Amino acid sequence: MDNCIGDAWSRSVLDMRVPRIALLPLLAVTLSGCDGGSVPMPPSPSATPAVSAPAWSDEEALEVATTVFKRYLEISNQIYNEGGAKPERIDVIASKTVAARDHAGFAEVSESTRTLLGKVELVKTTLQSRLLEPDETGSLAAVYACVDLRGTDVLDTTGVSIVSPDRPNTRTWEVGIGLGAAGQDEYIVTHKEVWSESAECE
């Protein structure tokens, strides 16, 4: 779509940091009492366990990622079709970084006089990678997700489409999937960037 709103919609239907657990070395200090004895060291705190990836096969990782991204698109489509209302609905299925971008797109639609119609449809997903531990965005698996934009439209106040005829038919996203936090779905979209655009999904 041309114009900022159309681009926000198609790109929002759109980051990978591995948390490293650093264990501070214990400082061995012996305090001498008046009797010449030593004060015992307090027990060292337990280390926070690292988050490990589920024991997915490639097929299982792809299936989970596809299911999560489909749900993400359903919620995103609904918010855009409702004029950007209740944008917090996306928060259950998206990381803070992904949700922040989406909220910006929803706000742009809410503040405009344009109408968004239709749905961005997921056509194809291809597994890119699955990880043994979360990457910098919290992703445990990544896929290429190709979506079809042809079922969407943006209308001005007179009901005339303002979508550029040069808009690509499809867009492929690089999508990361990771564990959700409290109050979120079990798995969420943790990363989303445009990978390519073309006439058809490859």
Protein backbone atom coordinates (compact mmCIF):
# COMPACT_ATOMS: atom_id res chain seq x y z
CA MET A 1 0.00 0.00 0.00
CA ASP A 2 1.18 3.50 -0.61
CA ASN A 3 0.80 6.18 2.08
CA CYS A 4 1.81 5.77 5.69
CA ILE A 5 -1.40 4.14 6.86
CA GLY A 6 -1.47 1.50 4.17
CA ASP A 7 2.18 0.76 4.81
CA ALA A 8 1.61 0.60 8.56
CA TRP A 9 -1.15 -1.96 8.05
CA SER A 10 0.70 -4.24 5.70
CA ARG A 11 4.00 -3.94 7.52
CA SER A 12 2.49 -4.26 10.95
CA VAL A 13 0.85 -7.56 9.81
CA LEU A 14 5.30 -6.94 11.04
CA ASP A 15 12.91 -7.80 16.48
CA MET A 16 16.70 -11.83 18.01
CA ARG A 17 19.09 -11.03 22.26
CA VAL A 18 19.97 -14.13 24.14
CA PRO A 19 19.62 -13.58 27.89
CA ARG A 20 22.90 -14.68 29.39
CA ILE A 21 22.97 -15.67 33.03
CA ALA A 22 26.09 -14.29 34.67
CA LEU A 23 27.05 -15.84 37.98
CA LEU A 24 28.96 -13.44 40.19
CA PRO A 25 31.93 -15.14 41.87
CA LEU A 26 31.54 -15.53 45.62
CA LEU A 27 33.87 -13.39 47.68
CA ALA A 28 35.54 -15.61 50.24
CA VAL A 29 35.75 -13.50 53.36
CA THR A 30 36.65 -14.86 56.78
CA LEU A 31 35.70 -12.74 59.74
CA SER A 32 37.68 -13.35 62.90
CA GLY A 33 35.72 -13.26 66.16
CA CYS A 34 37.17 -12.51 69.60
CA ASP A 35 37.55 -16.20 70.19
CA GLY A 36 39.65 -16.56 67.03
CA GLY A 37 36.92 -18.57 65.28
CA SER A 38 35.57 -17.76 61.83
CA VAL A 39 32.04 -16.76 60.90
CA PRO A 40 30.59 -19.26 58.38
CA MET A 41 29.72 -17.96 54.91
CA PRO A 42 26.01 -17.69 54.10
CA PRO A 43 24.78 -20.13 51.47
CA SER A 44 25.15 -18.87 47.91
CA PRO A 45 21.93 -17.92 46.14
CA SER A 46 20.59 -20.34 43.59
CA ALA A 47 21.19 -19.38 39.99
CA THR A 48 18.14 -18.58 37.87
CA PRO A 49 17.66 -21.50 35.50
CA ALA A 50 18.19 -20.75 31.83
CA VAL A 51 15.24 -20.97 29.49
CA SER A 52 15.67 -23.89 27.16
CA ALA A 53 13.84 -24.54 23.95
CA PRO A 54 11.05 -27.13 23.80
CA ALA A 55 12.11 -30.47 22.35
CA TRP A 56 10.54 -29.70 18.98
CA SER A 57 11.26 -31.45 15.75
CA ASP A 58 11.50 -29.22 12.68
CA GLU A 59 7.93 -30.15 11.80
CA GLU A 60 6.66 -29.33 15.29
CA ALA A 61 8.49 -25.99 15.37
CA LEU A 62 6.94 -25.06 12.04
CA GLU A 63 3.48 -26.10 13.19
CA VAL A 64 3.69 -24.05 16.39
CA ALA A 65 5.03 -21.00 14.58
CA THR A 66 2.32 -21.21 11.94
CA THR A 67 -0.44 -21.49 14.54
CA VAL A 68 0.93 -18.56 16.56
CA PHE A 69 1.34 -16.29 13.55
CA LYS A 70 -2.14 -17.10 12.29
CA ARG A 71 -3.59 -16.04 15.64
CA TYR A 72 -1.46 -12.90 15.56
CA LEU A 73 -2.81 -11.99 12.13
CA GLU A 74 -6.40 -12.64 13.19
CA ILE A 75 -6.10 -10.22 16.09
CA SER A 76 -4.22 -7.63 14.06
CA ASN A 77 -6.74 -7.79 11.21
CA GLN A 78 -9.62 -7.34 13.63
CA ILE A 79 -8.07 -4.29 15.28
CA TYR A 80 -7.37 -2.64 11.93
CA ASN A 81 -10.86 -3.42 10.64
CA GLU A 82 -12.28 -1.81 13.78
CA GLY A 83 -10.39 1.41 13.20
CA GLY A 84 -7.54 0.71 15.60
CA ALA A 85 -9.85 0.33 18.61
CA LYS A 86 -8.64 -1.57 21.69
CA PRO A 87 -5.07 -1.97 20.44
CA GLU A 88 -4.07 -3.72 23.67
CA ARG A 89 -5.62 -6.89 22.29
CA ILE A 90 -2.41 -7.55 20.36
CA ASP A 91 -0.38 -7.63 23.59
CA VAL A 92 -1.35 -11.22 24.42
CA ILE A 93 0.35 -12.56 21.29
CA ALA A 94 3.26 -10.15 20.71
CA SER A 95 6.46 -9.19 22.52
CA LYS A 96 6.85 -5.62 23.78
CA THR A 97 8.96 -4.69 20.75
CA VAL A 98 6.54 -6.14 18.21
CA ALA A 99 3.50 -4.77 20.06
CA ALA A 100 4.99 -1.27 20.21
CA ARG A 101 5.25 -1.18 16.42
CA ASP A 102 1.73 -2.48 16.05
CA HIS A 103 0.35 0.08 18.51
CA ALA A 104 1.90 2.86 16.41
CA GLY A 105 0.10 1.53 13.32
CA PHE A 106 -3.19 1.15 15.17
CA ALA A 107 -2.93 4.72 16.50
CA GLU A 108 -2.31 6.08 13.01
CA VAL A 109 -5.46 4.39 11.75
CA SER A 110 -7.48 5.53 14.76
CA GLU A 111 -6.46 9.14 14.20
CA SER A 112 -7.20 9.10 10.46
CA THR A 113 -10.40 9.37 8.46
CA ARG A 114 -9.60 6.36 6.30
CA THR A 115 -11.21 2.96 6.39
CA LEU A 116 -9.31 -0.32 6.24
CA LEU A 117 -11.09 -3.33 4.79
CA GLY A 118 -10.33 -7.01 4.36
CA LYS A 119 -7.73 -9.30 5.86
CA VAL A 120 -4.09 -10.08 5.40
CA GLU A 121 -4.03 -13.84 4.82
CA LEU A 122 -1.19 -16.22 5.69
CA VAL A 123 -0.37 -18.31 2.63
CA LYS A 124 2.80 -20.18 3.47
CA THR A 125 5.35 -20.66 6.25
CA THR A 126 8.83 -22.14 5.89
CA LEU A 127 11.06 -23.01 8.83
CA GLN A 128 14.21 -20.92 9.00
CA SER A 129 15.66 -22.16 12.26
CA ARG A 130 14.97 -23.55 15.71
CA LEU A 131 17.24 -22.73 18.61
CA LEU A 132 18.52 -24.49 21.72
CA GLU A 133 17.98 -21.34 23.78
CA PRO A 134 16.26 -17.99 23.17
CA ASP A 135 18.07 -15.49 20.98
CA GLU A 136 18.30 -11.76 21.70
CA THR A 137 14.61 -11.23 20.92
CA GLY A 138 13.45 -14.24 22.92
CA SER A 139 12.81 -16.31 19.81
CA LEU A 140 13.02 -20.09 20.00
CA ALA A 141 12.16 -20.66 16.35
CA ALA A 142 12.02 -18.54 13.23
CA VAL A 143 10.03 -18.93 10.03
CA TYR A 144 9.50 -17.15 6.76
CA ALA A 145 5.80 -16.27 6.62
CA CYS A 146 4.35 -15.20 3.28
CA VAL A 147 1.10 -13.24 3.43
CA ASP A 148 -1.32 -12.22 0.71
CA LEU A 149 -2.24 -8.52 0.66
CA ARG A 150 -4.73 -8.65 -2.19
CA GLY A 151 -7.71 -9.06 0.11
CA THR A 152 -7.11 -5.70 1.79
CA ASP A 153 -8.06 -2.17 0.84
CA VAL A 154 -7.81 1.38 2.19
CA LEU A 155 -10.61 3.84 1.42
CA ASP A 156 -10.70 7.61 1.73
CA THR A 157 -13.69 9.55 3.09
CA THR A 158 -15.50 9.27 -0.24
CA GLY A 159 -15.12 5.49 -0.35
CA VAL A 160 -12.47 5.52 -3.07
CA SER A 161 -9.53 3.13 -2.78
CA ILE A 162 -6.18 4.83 -2.23
CA VAL A 163 -4.08 1.67 -2.54
CA SER A 164 -1.31 2.07 -5.08
CA PRO A 165 -1.59 -0.19 -8.13
CA ASP A 166 2.11 -0.89 -7.63
CA ARG A 167 1.59 -2.47 -4.23
CA PRO A 168 3.03 -6.03 -4.18
CA ASN A 169 0.56 -8.88 -4.01
CA THR A 170 2.48 -10.70 -1.29
CA ARG A 171 4.96 -9.93 1.44
CA THR A 172 7.20 -12.37 3.27
CA TRP A 173 8.07 -11.72 6.89
CA GLU A 174 10.85 -13.18 8.98
CA VAL A 175 8.94 -14.13 12.12
CA GLY A 176 10.32 -15.27 15.47
CA ILE A 177 8.30 -17.27 17.99
CA GLY A 178 9.10 -17.50 21.70
CA LEU A 179 7.62 -18.09 25.12
CA GLY A 180 4.99 -15.67 26.36
CA ALA A 181 5.13 -13.96 29.76
CA ALA A 182 2.45 -13.93 32.46
CA GLY A 183 -0.87 -12.83 30.98
CA GLN A 184 0.16 -13.76 27.43
CA ASP A 185 -0.38 -16.81 25.27
CA GLU A 186 2.03 -19.71 25.79
CA TYR A 187 3.90 -18.76 22.61
CA ILE A 188 4.03 -15.29 21.07
CA VAL A 189 5.49 -13.39 18.12
CA THR A 190 8.85 -12.13 19.35
CA HIS A 191 10.32 -10.80 16.11
CA LYS A 192 8.88 -9.61 12.80
CA GLU A 193 10.73 -7.99 9.89
CA VAL A 194 9.99 -7.71 6.18
CA TRP A 195 12.05 -10.25 4.24
CA SER A 196 10.81 -9.79 0.66
CA GLU A 197 7.93 -8.69 -1.56
CA SER A 198 6.75 -10.32 -4.75
CA ALA A 199 3.81 -11.07 -7.02
CA GLU A 200 3.29 -14.53 -5.49
CA CYS A 201 4.52 -16.49 -2.50
CA GLU A 202 7.56 -18.48 -3.51
